[in-house]
Amino acid sequence: MIIVIAKIIPKENKETDLIRIASDLVDVTRNEPKNISYDFVSSLDDNSFLFIEKWEDMDGLNNHLNSSHFRIFDHLSQIFVEDTEITFYNSEQFDLME
């Protein structure tokens, strides 16, 4: 499973616009074939937001990144977003020594 954490910092006074386009993206993305979960949450500490995503595999994530709805979000978000930080994780299980 692939996990993606994308931190989004909106431009000043653009939070509502960002929430609107992110909500549209979430609604469509949750129905993608290899999506496990896809959430958009706000920080309690600052004005940032997080996309927290889980995908069955890289193919599912790549299909999402190439989808028309993601491309539209990516284009529109440039108007509303100040900065983005994206981290990818592989949820492969490790055997830990005791």
PDB file of N, CA and C in Angstrom:
ATOM      1  N   MET A   1       0.846  -1.179   0.000  1.00  0.00           N
ATOM      2  CA  MET A   1       0.000   0.000   0.000  1.00  0.00           C
ATOM      3  C   MET A   1       0.892   1.242   0.000  1.00  0.00           C
ATOM      4  N   ILE A   2       0.461   2.260  -0.740  1.00  0.00           N
ATOM      5  CA  ILE A   2       1.165   3.531  -0.802  1.00  0.00           C
ATOM      6  C   ILE A   2       0.361   4.553  -0.010  1.00  0.00           C
ATOM      7  N   ILE A   3       1.045   5.297   0.849  1.00  0.00           N
ATOM      8  CA  ILE A   3       0.409   6.360   1.630  1.00  0.00           C
ATOM      9  C   ILE A   3       1.024   7.684   1.203  1.00  0.00           C
ATOM     10  N   VAL A   4       0.164   8.668   0.983  1.00  0.00           N
ATOM     11  CA  VAL A   4       0.610  10.002   0.593  1.00  0.00           C
ATOM     12  C   VAL A   4       0.077  11.002   1.607  1.00  0.00           C
ATOM     13  N   ILE A   5       0.979  11.858   2.094  1.00  0.00           N
ATOM     14  CA  ILE A   5       0.590  12.969   2.959  1.00  0.00           C
ATOM     15  C   ILE A   5       0.994  14.237   2.223  1.00  0.00           C
ATOM     16  N   ALA A   6       0.009  15.039   1.840  1.00  0.00           N
ATOM     17  CA  ALA A   6       0.282  16.279   1.125  1.00  0.00           C
ATOM     18  C   ALA A   6      -0.177  17.451   1.988  1.00  0.00           C
ATOM     19  N   LYS A   7       0.786  18.231   2.454  1.00  0.00           N
ATOM     20  CA  LYS A   7       0.479  19.419   3.260  1.00  0.00           C
ATOM     21  C   LYS A   7       0.302  20.597   2.318  1.00  0.00           C
ATOM     22  N   ILE A   8      -0.814  21.290   2.466  1.00  0.00           N
ATOM     23  CA  ILE A   8      -1.163  22.406   1.596  1.00  0.00           C
ATOM     24  C   ILE A   8      -1.304  23.668   2.454  1.00  0.00           C
ATOM     25  N   ILE A   9      -0.611  24.715   2.057  1.00  0.00           N
ATOM     26  CA  ILE A   9      -0.738  26.004   2.740  1.00  0.00           C
ATOM     27  C   ILE A   9      -1.406  26.976   1.759  1.00  0.00           C
ATOM     28  N   PRO A  10      -2.619  27.411   2.094  1.00  0.00           N
ATOM     29  CA  PRO A  10      -3.329  28.298   1.171  1.00  0.00           C
ATOM     30  C   PRO A  10      -2.786  29.721   1.219  1.00  0.00           C
ATOM     31  N   LYS A  11      -3.003  30.442   0.131  1.00  0.00           N
ATOM     32  CA  LYS A  11      -2.692  31.866   0.130  1.00  0.00           C
ATOM     33  C   LYS A  11      -3.654  32.565   1.085  1.00  0.00           C
ATOM     34  N   GLU A  12      -3.255  33.727   1.537  1.00  0.00           N
ATOM     35  CA  GLU A  12      -4.081  34.481   2.474  1.00  0.00           C
ATOM     36  C   GLU A  12      -5.477  34.717   1.895  1.00  0.00           C
ATOM     37  N   ASN A  13      -6.483  34.442   2.714  1.00  0.00           N
ATOM     38  CA  ASN A  13      -7.899  34.625   2.374  1.00  0.00           C
ATOM     39  C   ASN A  13      -8.384  33.706   1.246  1.00  0.00           C
ATOM     40  N   LYS A  14      -7.676  32.616   0.981  1.00  0.00           N
ATOM     41  CA  LYS A  14      -8.079  31.681  -0.070  1.00  0.00           C
ATOM     42  C   LYS A  14      -8.486  30.319   0.488  1.00  0.00           C
ATOM     43  N   GLU A  15      -8.612  30.226   1.812  1.00  0.00           N
ATOM     44  CA  GLU A  15      -8.937  28.953   2.446  1.00  0.00           C
ATOM     45  C   GLU A  15     -10.269  28.393   1.945  1.00  0.00           C
ATOM     46  N   THR A  16     -11.288  29.223   1.859  1.00  0.00           N
ATOM     47  CA  THR A  16     -12.609  28.768   1.434  1.00  0.00           C
ATOM     48  C   THR A  16     -12.578  28.256   0.000  1.00  0.00           C
ATOM     49  N   ASP A  17     -11.856  28.952  -0.865  1.00  0.00           N
ATOM     50  CA  ASP A  17     -11.736  28.504  -2.254  1.00  0.00           C
ATOM     51  C   ASP A  17     -11.021  27.158  -2.334  1.00  0.00           C
ATOM     52  N   LEU A  18      -9.962  27.014  -1.544  1.00  0.00           N
ATOM     53  CA  LEU A  18      -9.219  25.750  -1.527  1.00  0.00           C
ATOM     54  C   LEU A  18     -10.108  24.612  -1.031  1.00  0.00           C
ATOM     55  N   ILE A  19     -10.841  24.844   0.020  1.00  0.00           N
ATOM     56  CA  ILE A  19     -11.740  23.816   0.556  1.00  0.00           C
ATOM     57  C   ILE A  19     -12.762  23.396  -0.496  1.00  0.00           C
ATOM     58  N   ARG A  20     -13.287  24.334  -1.236  1.00  0.00           N
ATOM     59  CA  ARG A  20     -14.293  24.030  -2.257  1.00  0.00           C
ATOM     60  C   ARG A  20     -13.729  23.111  -3.336  1.00  0.00           C
ATOM     61  N   ILE A  21     -12.552  23.456  -3.883  1.00  0.00           N
ATOM     62  CA  ILE A  21     -12.008  22.617  -4.962  1.00  0.00           C
ATOM     63  C   ILE A  21     -11.468  21.290  -4.418  1.00  0.00           C
ATOM     64  N   ALA A  22     -10.980  21.300  -3.180  1.00  0.00           N
ATOM     65  CA  ALA A  22     -10.504  20.049  -2.577  1.00  0.00           C
ATOM     66  C   ALA A  22     -11.668  19.100  -2.322  1.00  0.00           C
ATOM     67  N   SER A  23     -12.801  19.633  -1.904  1.00  0.00           N
ATOM     68  CA  SER A  23     -13.981  18.793  -1.655  1.00  0.00           C
ATOM     69  C   SER A  23     -14.435  18.103  -2.929  1.00  0.00           C
ATOM     70  N   ASP A  24     -14.409  18.844  -4.028  1.00  0.00           N
ATOM     71  CA  ASP A  24     -14.770  18.241  -5.318  1.00  0.00           C
ATOM     72  C   ASP A  24     -13.807  17.110  -5.670  1.00  0.00           C
ATOM     73  N   LEU A  25     -12.510  17.336  -5.461  1.00  0.00           N
ATOM     74  CA  LEU A  25     -11.504  16.318  -5.756  1.00  0.00           C
ATOM     75  C   LEU A  25     -11.702  15.079  -4.890  1.00  0.00           C
ATOM     76  N   VAL A  26     -11.960  15.275  -3.610  1.00  0.00           N
ATOM     77  CA  VAL A  26     -12.157  14.150  -2.692  1.00  0.00           C
ATOM     78  C   VAL A  26     -13.342  13.296  -3.128  1.00  0.00           C
ATOM     79  N   ASP A  27     -14.455  13.949  -3.452  1.00  0.00           N
ATOM     80  CA  ASP A  27     -15.658  13.203  -3.841  1.00  0.00           C
ATOM     81  C   ASP A  27     -15.407  12.278  -5.021  1.00  0.00           C
ATOM     82  N   VAL A  28     -14.706  12.751  -6.028  1.00  0.00           N
ATOM     83  CA  VAL A  28     -14.448  11.947  -7.224  1.00  0.00           C
ATOM     84  C   VAL A  28     -13.377  10.894  -6.954  1.00  0.00           C
ATOM     85  N   THR A  29     -12.321  11.282  -6.251  1.00  0.00           N
ATOM     86  CA  THR A  29     -11.186  10.385  -6.031  1.00  0.00           C
ATOM     87  C   THR A  29     -11.558   9.171  -5.201  1.00  0.00           C
ATOM     88  N   ARG A  30     -12.434   9.320  -4.249  1.00  0.00           N
ATOM     89  CA  ARG A  30     -12.834   8.182  -3.414  1.00  0.00           C
ATOM     90  C   ARG A  30     -13.445   7.044  -4.219  1.00  0.00           C
ATOM     91  N   ASN A  31     -13.888   7.338  -5.430  1.00  0.00           N
ATOM     92  CA  ASN A  31     -14.473   6.308  -6.288  1.00  0.00           C
ATOM     93  C   ASN A  31     -13.492   5.709  -7.283  1.00  0.00           C
ATOM     94  N   GLU A  32     -12.231   6.113  -7.221  1.00  0.00           N
ATOM     95  CA  GLU A  32     -11.235   5.544  -8.134  1.00  0.00           C
ATOM     96  C   GLU A  32     -10.955   4.094  -7.751  1.00  0.00           C
ATOM     97  N   PRO A  33     -10.682   3.237  -8.760  1.00  0.00           N
ATOM     98  CA  PRO A  33     -10.553   1.795  -8.535  1.00  0.00           C
ATOM     99  C   PRO A  33      -9.552   1.374  -7.463  1.00  0.00           C
ATOM    100  N   LYS A  34      -8.387   1.970  -7.389  1.00  0.00           N
ATOM    101  CA  LYS A  34      -7.377   1.492  -6.448  1.00  0.00           C
ATOM    102  C   LYS A  34      -7.213   2.409  -5.239  1.00  0.00           C
ATOM    103  N   ASN A  35      -8.193   3.279  -5.010  1.00  0.00           N
ATOM    104  CA  ASN A  35      -8.156   4.139  -3.842  1.00  0.00           C
ATOM    105  C   ASN A  35      -8.689   3.392  -2.628  1.00  0.00           C
ATOM    106  N   ILE A  36      -7.945   3.444  -1.548  1.00  0.00           N
ATOM    107  CA  ILE A  36      -8.376   2.836  -0.285  1.00  0.00           C
ATOM    108  C   ILE A  36      -9.051   3.890   0.588  1.00  0.00           C
ATOM    109  N   SER A  37      -8.414   5.062   0.707  1.00  0.00           N
ATOM    110  CA  SER A  37      -9.018   6.183   1.427  1.00  0.00           C
ATOM    111  C   SER A  37      -8.399   7.484   0.938  1.00  0.00           C
ATOM    112  N   TYR A  38      -9.161   8.556   1.078  1.00  0.00           N
ATOM    113  CA  TYR A  38      -8.723   9.854   0.571  1.00  0.00           C
ATOM    114  C   TYR A  38      -9.429  10.919   1.391  1.00  0.00           C
ATOM    115  N   ASP A  39      -8.689  11.596   2.243  1.00  0.00           N
ATOM    116  CA  ASP A  39      -9.283  12.576   3.154  1.00  0.00           C
ATOM    117  C   ASP A  39      -8.582  13.921   3.040  1.00  0.00           C
ATOM    118  N   PHE A  40      -9.318  14.972   3.338  1.00  0.00           N
ATOM    119  CA  PHE A  40      -8.803  16.335   3.348  1.00  0.00           C
ATOM    120  C   PHE A  40      -9.165  16.923   4.698  1.00  0.00           C
ATOM    121  N   VAL A  41      -8.154  17.266   5.498  1.00  0.00           N
ATOM    122  CA  VAL A  41      -8.389  17.735   6.861  1.00  0.00           C
ATOM    123  C   VAL A  41      -7.648  19.042   7.104  1.00  0.00           C
ATOM    124  N   SER A  42      -8.133  19.794   8.081  1.00  0.00           N
ATOM    125  CA  SER A  42      -7.490  21.062   8.427  1.00  0.00           C
ATOM    126  C   SER A  42      -6.679  20.915   9.707  1.00  0.00           C
ATOM    127  N   SER A  43      -5.635  21.710   9.798  1.00  0.00           N
ATOM    128  CA  SER A  43      -4.759  21.692  10.968  1.00  0.00           C
ATOM    129  C   SER A  43      -5.403  22.445  12.129  1.00  0.00           C
ATOM    130  N   LEU A  44      -5.128  21.988  13.340  1.00  0.00           N
ATOM    131  CA  LEU A  44      -5.557  22.710  14.532  1.00  0.00           C
ATOM    132  C   LEU A  44      -4.523  23.760  14.934  1.00  0.00           C
ATOM    133  N   ASP A  45      -3.321  23.693  14.357  1.00  0.00           N
ATOM    134  CA  ASP A  45      -2.224  24.571  14.756  1.00  0.00           C
ATOM    135  C   ASP A  45      -2.026  25.794  13.868  1.00  0.00           C
ATOM    136  N   ASP A  46      -2.375  25.682  12.604  1.00  0.00           N
ATOM    137  CA  ASP A  46      -2.146  26.793  11.687  1.00  0.00           C
ATOM    138  C   ASP A  46      -3.200  26.733  10.578  1.00  0.00           C
ATOM    139  N   ASN A  47      -2.996  27.462   9.509  1.00  0.00           N
ATOM    140  CA  ASN A  47      -4.003  27.481   8.441  1.00  0.00           C
ATOM    141  C   ASN A  47      -3.724  26.458   7.347  1.00  0.00           C
ATOM    142  N   SER A  48      -2.943  25.435   7.643  1.00  0.00           N
ATOM    143  CA  SER A  48      -2.620  24.430   6.640  1.00  0.00           C
ATOM    144  C   SER A  48      -3.689  23.334   6.594  1.00  0.00           C
ATOM    145  N   PHE A  49      -3.627  22.559   5.510  1.00  0.00           N
ATOM    146  CA  PHE A  49      -4.521  21.432   5.297  1.00  0.00           C
ATOM    147  C   PHE A  49      -3.686  20.227   4.896  1.00  0.00           C
ATOM    148  N   LEU A  50      -4.250  19.037   5.084  1.00  0.00           N
ATOM    149  CA  LEU A  50      -3.582  17.805   4.656  1.00  0.00           C
ATOM    150  C   LEU A  50      -4.512  16.972   3.799  1.00  0.00           C
ATOM    151  N   PHE A  51      -3.958  16.446   2.706  1.00  0.00           N
ATOM    152  CA  PHE A  51      -4.565  15.329   2.015  1.00  0.00           C
ATOM    153  C   PHE A  51      -3.893  14.098   2.599  1.00  0.00           C
ATOM    154  N   ILE A  52      -4.675  13.150   3.075  1.00  0.00           N
ATOM    155  CA  ILE A  52      -4.156  11.883   3.584  1.00  0.00           C
ATOM    156  C   ILE A  52      -4.746  10.798   2.699  1.00  0.00           C
ATOM    157  N   GLU A  53      -3.869  10.155   1.927  1.00  0.00           N
ATOM    158  CA  GLU A  53      -4.309   9.235   0.874  1.00  0.00           C
ATOM    159  C   GLU A  53      -3.719   7.847   1.083  1.00  0.00           C
ATOM    160  N   LYS A  54      -4.500   6.842   0.755  1.00  0.00           N
ATOM    161  CA  LYS A  54      -4.012   5.463   0.742  1.00  0.00           C
ATOM    162  C   LYS A  54      -4.406   4.842  -0.587  1.00  0.00           C
ATOM    163  N   TRP A  55      -3.409   4.228  -1.235  1.00  0.00           N
ATOM    164  CA  TRP A  55      -3.585   3.607  -2.546  1.00  0.00           C
ATOM    165  C   TRP A  55      -3.125   2.159  -2.493  1.00  0.00           C
ATOM    166  N   GLU A  56      -3.776   1.290  -3.248  1.00  0.00           N
ATOM    167  CA  GLU A  56      -3.373  -0.118  -3.283  1.00  0.00           C
ATOM    168  C   GLU A  56      -1.941  -0.272  -3.759  1.00  0.00           C
ATOM    169  N   ASP A  57      -1.555   0.535  -4.760  1.00  0.00           N
ATOM    170  CA  ASP A  57      -0.210   0.429  -5.322  1.00  0.00           C
ATOM    171  C   ASP A  57       0.119   1.702  -6.100  1.00  0.00           C
ATOM    172  N   MET A  58       1.327   1.761  -6.655  1.00  0.00           N
ATOM    173  CA  MET A  58       1.772   2.929  -7.408  1.00  0.00           C
ATOM    174  C   MET A  58       0.960   3.127  -8.681  1.00  0.00           C
ATOM    175  N   ASP A  59       0.479   2.050  -9.289  1.00  0.00           N
ATOM    176  CA  ASP A  59      -0.357   2.191 -10.477  1.00  0.00           C
ATOM    177  C   ASP A  59      -1.617   3.003 -10.161  1.00  0.00           C
ATOM    178  N   GLY A  60      -2.236   2.709  -9.025  1.00  0.00           N
ATOM    179  CA  GLY A  60      -3.423   3.451  -8.618  1.00  0.00           C
ATOM    180  C   GLY A  60      -3.117   4.920  -8.393  1.00  0.00           C
ATOM    181  N   LEU A  61      -2.005   5.197  -7.725  1.00  0.00           N
ATOM    182  CA  LEU A  61      -1.611   6.582  -7.487  1.00  0.00           C
ATOM    183  C   LEU A  61      -1.299   7.291  -8.793  1.00  0.00           C
ATOM    184  N   ASN A  62      -0.545   6.636  -9.673  1.00  0.00           N
ATOM    185  CA  ASN A  62      -0.208   7.252 -10.962  1.00  0.00           C
ATOM    186  C   ASN A  62      -1.443   7.519 -11.810  1.00  0.00           C
ATOM    187  N   ASN A  63      -2.399   6.594 -11.797  1.00  0.00           N
ATOM    188  CA  ASN A  63      -3.644   6.821 -12.525  1.00  0.00           C
ATOM    189  C   ASN A  63      -4.378   8.043 -11.976  1.00  0.00           C
ATOM    190  N   HIS A  64      -4.360   8.196 -10.663  1.00  0.00           N
ATOM    191  CA  HIS A  64      -4.978   9.365 -10.030  1.00  0.00           C
ATOM    192  C   HIS A  64      -4.282  10.655 -10.476  1.00  0.00           C
ATOM    193  N   LEU A  65      -2.960  10.643 -10.436  1.00  0.00           N
ATOM    194  CA  LEU A  65      -2.204  11.851 -10.787  1.00  0.00           C
ATOM    195  C   LEU A  65      -2.390  12.241 -12.253  1.00  0.00           C
ATOM    196  N   ASN A  66      -2.744  11.288 -13.089  1.00  0.00           N
ATOM    197  CA  ASN A  66      -2.976  11.559 -14.506  1.00  0.00           C
ATOM    198  C   ASN A  66      -4.450  11.741 -14.856  1.00  0.00           C
ATOM    199  N   SER A  67      -5.322  11.663 -13.864  1.00  0.00           N
ATOM    200  CA  SER A  67      -6.759  11.791 -14.126  1.00  0.00           C
ATOM    201  C   SER A  67      -7.129  13.239 -14.429  1.00  0.00           C
ATOM    202  N   SER A  68      -8.219  13.407 -15.152  1.00  0.00           N
ATOM    203  CA  SER A  68      -8.654  14.766 -15.497  1.00  0.00           C
ATOM    204  C   SER A  68      -9.052  15.549 -14.253  1.00  0.00           C
ATOM    205  N   HIS A  69      -9.701  14.906 -13.277  1.00  0.00           N
ATOM    206  CA  HIS A  69     -10.116  15.643 -12.080  1.00  0.00           C
ATOM    207  C   HIS A  69      -8.917  16.100 -11.247  1.00  0.00           C
ATOM    208  N   PHE A  70      -7.847  15.296 -11.200  1.00  0.00           N
ATOM    209  CA  PHE A  70      -6.660  15.759 -10.477  1.00  0.00           C
ATOM    210  C   PHE A  70      -5.978  16.889 -11.235  1.00  0.00           C
ATOM    211  N   ARG A  71      -5.901  16.777 -12.544  1.00  0.00           N
ATOM    212  CA  ARG A  71      -5.265  17.846 -13.342  1.00  0.00           C
ATOM    213  C   ARG A  71      -6.015  19.166 -13.195  1.00  0.00           C
ATOM    214  N   ILE A  72      -7.337  19.101 -13.155  1.00  0.00           N
ATOM    215  CA  ILE A  72      -8.124  20.321 -12.940  1.00  0.00           C
ATOM    216  C   ILE A  72      -7.824  20.903 -11.565  1.00  0.00           C
ATOM    217  N   PHE A  73      -7.813  20.040 -10.530  1.00  0.00           N
ATOM    218  CA  PHE A  73      -7.479  20.520  -9.186  1.00  0.00           C
ATOM    219  C   PHE A  73      -6.089  21.132  -9.171  1.00  0.00           C
ATOM    220  N   ASP A  74      -5.127  20.462  -9.755  1.00  0.00           N
ATOM    221  CA  ASP A  74      -3.745  20.942  -9.767  1.00  0.00           C
ATOM    222  C   ASP A  74      -3.661  22.324 -10.421  1.00  0.00           C
ATOM    223  N   HIS A  75      -4.358  22.508 -11.511  1.00  0.00           N
ATOM    224  CA  HIS A  75      -4.362  23.799 -12.211  1.00  0.00           C
ATOM    225  C   HIS A  75      -5.024  24.880 -11.349  1.00  0.00           C
ATOM    226  N   LEU A  76      -6.209  24.590 -10.816  1.00  0.00           N
ATOM    227  CA  LEU A  76      -6.925  25.573 -10.014  1.00  0.00           C
ATOM    228  C   LEU A  76      -6.202  25.888  -8.703  1.00  0.00           C
ATOM    229  N   SER A  77      -5.571  24.889  -8.130  1.00  0.00           N
ATOM    230  CA  SER A  77      -4.920  25.108  -6.832  1.00  0.00           C
ATOM    231  C   SER A  77      -3.775  26.115  -6.917  1.00  0.00           C
ATOM    232  N   GLN A  78      -3.192  26.272  -8.089  1.00  0.00           N
ATOM    233  CA  GLN A  78      -2.113  27.247  -8.234  1.00  0.00           C
ATOM    234  C   GLN A  78      -2.596  28.665  -7.930  1.00  0.00           C
ATOM    235  N   ILE A  79      -3.877  28.903  -8.097  1.00  0.00           N
ATOM    236  CA  ILE A  79      -4.462  30.209  -7.797  1.00  0.00           C
ATOM    237  C   ILE A  79      -4.596  30.402  -6.287  1.00  0.00           C
ATOM    238  N   PHE A  80      -4.844  29.311  -5.544  1.00  0.00           N
ATOM    239  CA  PHE A  80      -5.202  29.396  -4.139  1.00  0.00           C
ATOM    240  C   PHE A  80      -4.114  28.945  -3.164  1.00  0.00           C
ATOM    241  N   VAL A  81      -3.088  28.254  -3.659  1.00  0.00           N
ATOM    242  CA  VAL A  81      -2.100  27.615  -2.774  1.00  0.00           C
ATOM    243  C   VAL A  81      -0.783  28.368  -2.768  1.00  0.00           C
ATOM    244  N   GLU A  82      -0.295  28.618  -1.551  1.00  0.00           N
ATOM    245  CA  GLU A  82       1.001  29.275  -1.353  1.00  0.00           C
ATOM    246  C   GLU A  82       2.146  28.270  -1.453  1.00  0.00           C
ATOM    247  N   ASP A  83       1.968  27.101  -0.793  1.00  0.00           N
ATOM    248  CA  ASP A  83       3.046  26.117  -0.756  1.00  0.00           C
ATOM    249  C   ASP A  83       2.457  24.720  -0.546  1.00  0.00           C
ATOM    250  N   THR A  84       3.190  23.727  -1.025  1.00  0.00           N
ATOM    251  CA  THR A  84       2.790  22.327  -0.883  1.00  0.00           C
ATOM    252  C   THR A  84       4.005  21.489  -0.530  1.00  0.00           C
ATOM    253  N   GLU A  85       3.812  20.552   0.380  1.00  0.00           N
ATOM    254  CA  GLU A  85       4.866  19.597   0.749  1.00  0.00           C
ATOM    255  C   GLU A  85       4.249  18.206   0.703  1.00  0.00           C
ATOM    256  N   ILE A  86       4.813  17.331  -0.144  1.00  0.00           N
ATOM    257  CA  ILE A  86       4.234  15.999  -0.338  1.00  0.00           C
ATOM    258  C   ILE A  86       5.247  14.937   0.077  1.00  0.00           C
ATOM    259  N   THR A  87       4.774  13.982   0.875  1.00  0.00           N
ATOM    260  CA  THR A  87       5.614  12.875   1.324  1.00  0.00           C
ATOM    261  C   THR A  87       4.919  11.569   0.960  1.00  0.00           C
ATOM    262  N   PHE A  88       5.696  10.636   0.407  1.00  0.00           N
ATOM    263  CA  PHE A  88       5.187   9.324  -0.007  1.00  0.00           C
ATOM    264  C   PHE A  88       5.752   8.255   0.924  1.00  0.00           C
ATOM    265  N   TYR A  89       4.916   7.289   1.277  1.00  0.00           N
ATOM    266  CA  TYR A  89       5.326   6.199   2.154  1.00  0.00           C
ATOM    267  C   TYR A  89       4.913   4.863   1.535  1.00  0.00           C
ATOM    268  N   ASN A  90       5.738   3.865   1.745  1.00  0.00           N
ATOM    269  CA  ASN A  90       5.399   2.484   1.394  1.00  0.00           C
ATOM    270  C   ASN A  90       5.037   1.808   2.701  1.00  0.00           C
ATOM    271  N   SER A  91       3.851   1.250   2.799  1.00  0.00           N
ATOM    272  CA  SER A  91       3.408   0.676   4.073  1.00  0.00           C
ATOM    273  C   SER A  91       3.810  -0.784   4.229  1.00  0.00           C
ATOM    274  N   GLU A  92       4.832  -1.192   3.504  1.00  0.00           N
ATOM    275  CA  GLU A  92       5.336  -2.562   3.633  1.00  0.00           C
ATOM    276  C   GLU A  92       5.605  -2.874   5.100  1.00  0.00           C
ATOM    277  N   GLN A  93       5.196  -4.047   5.514  1.00  0.00           N
ATOM    278  CA  GLN A  93       5.406  -4.470   6.891  1.00  0.00           C
ATOM    279  C   GLN A  93       6.835  -4.958   7.090  1.00  0.00           C
ATOM    280  N   PHE A  94       7.432  -4.581   8.194  1.00  0.00           N
ATOM    281  CA  PHE A  94       8.778  -5.011   8.525  1.00  0.00           C
ATOM    282  C   PHE A  94       8.740  -5.947   9.723  1.00  0.00           C
ATOM    283  N   ASP A  95       9.577  -6.981   9.691  1.00  0.00           N
ATOM    284  CA  ASP A  95       9.719  -7.842  10.848  1.00  0.00           C
ATOM    285  C   ASP A  95      10.690  -7.164  11.806  1.00  0.00           C
ATOM    286  N   LEU A  96      10.206  -6.826  12.993  1.00  0.00           N
ATOM    287  CA  LEU A  96      11.049  -6.151  13.967  1.00  0.00           C
ATOM    288  C   LEU A  96      11.624  -7.177  14.939  1.00  0.00           C
ATOM    289  N   MET A  97      12.907  -7.027  15.224  1.00  0.00           N
ATOM    290  CA  MET A  97      13.536  -7.927  16.193  1.00  0.00           C
ATOM    291  C   MET A  97      13.096  -7.531  17.591  1.00  0.00           C
ATOM    292  N   GLU A  98      12.884  -8.524  18.422  1.00  0.00           N
ATOM    293  CA  GLU A  98      12.471  -8.241  19.796  1.00  0.00           C
ATOM    294  C   GLU A  98      13.632  -8.317  20.720  1.00  0.00           C
TER     295      GLU A  98
END
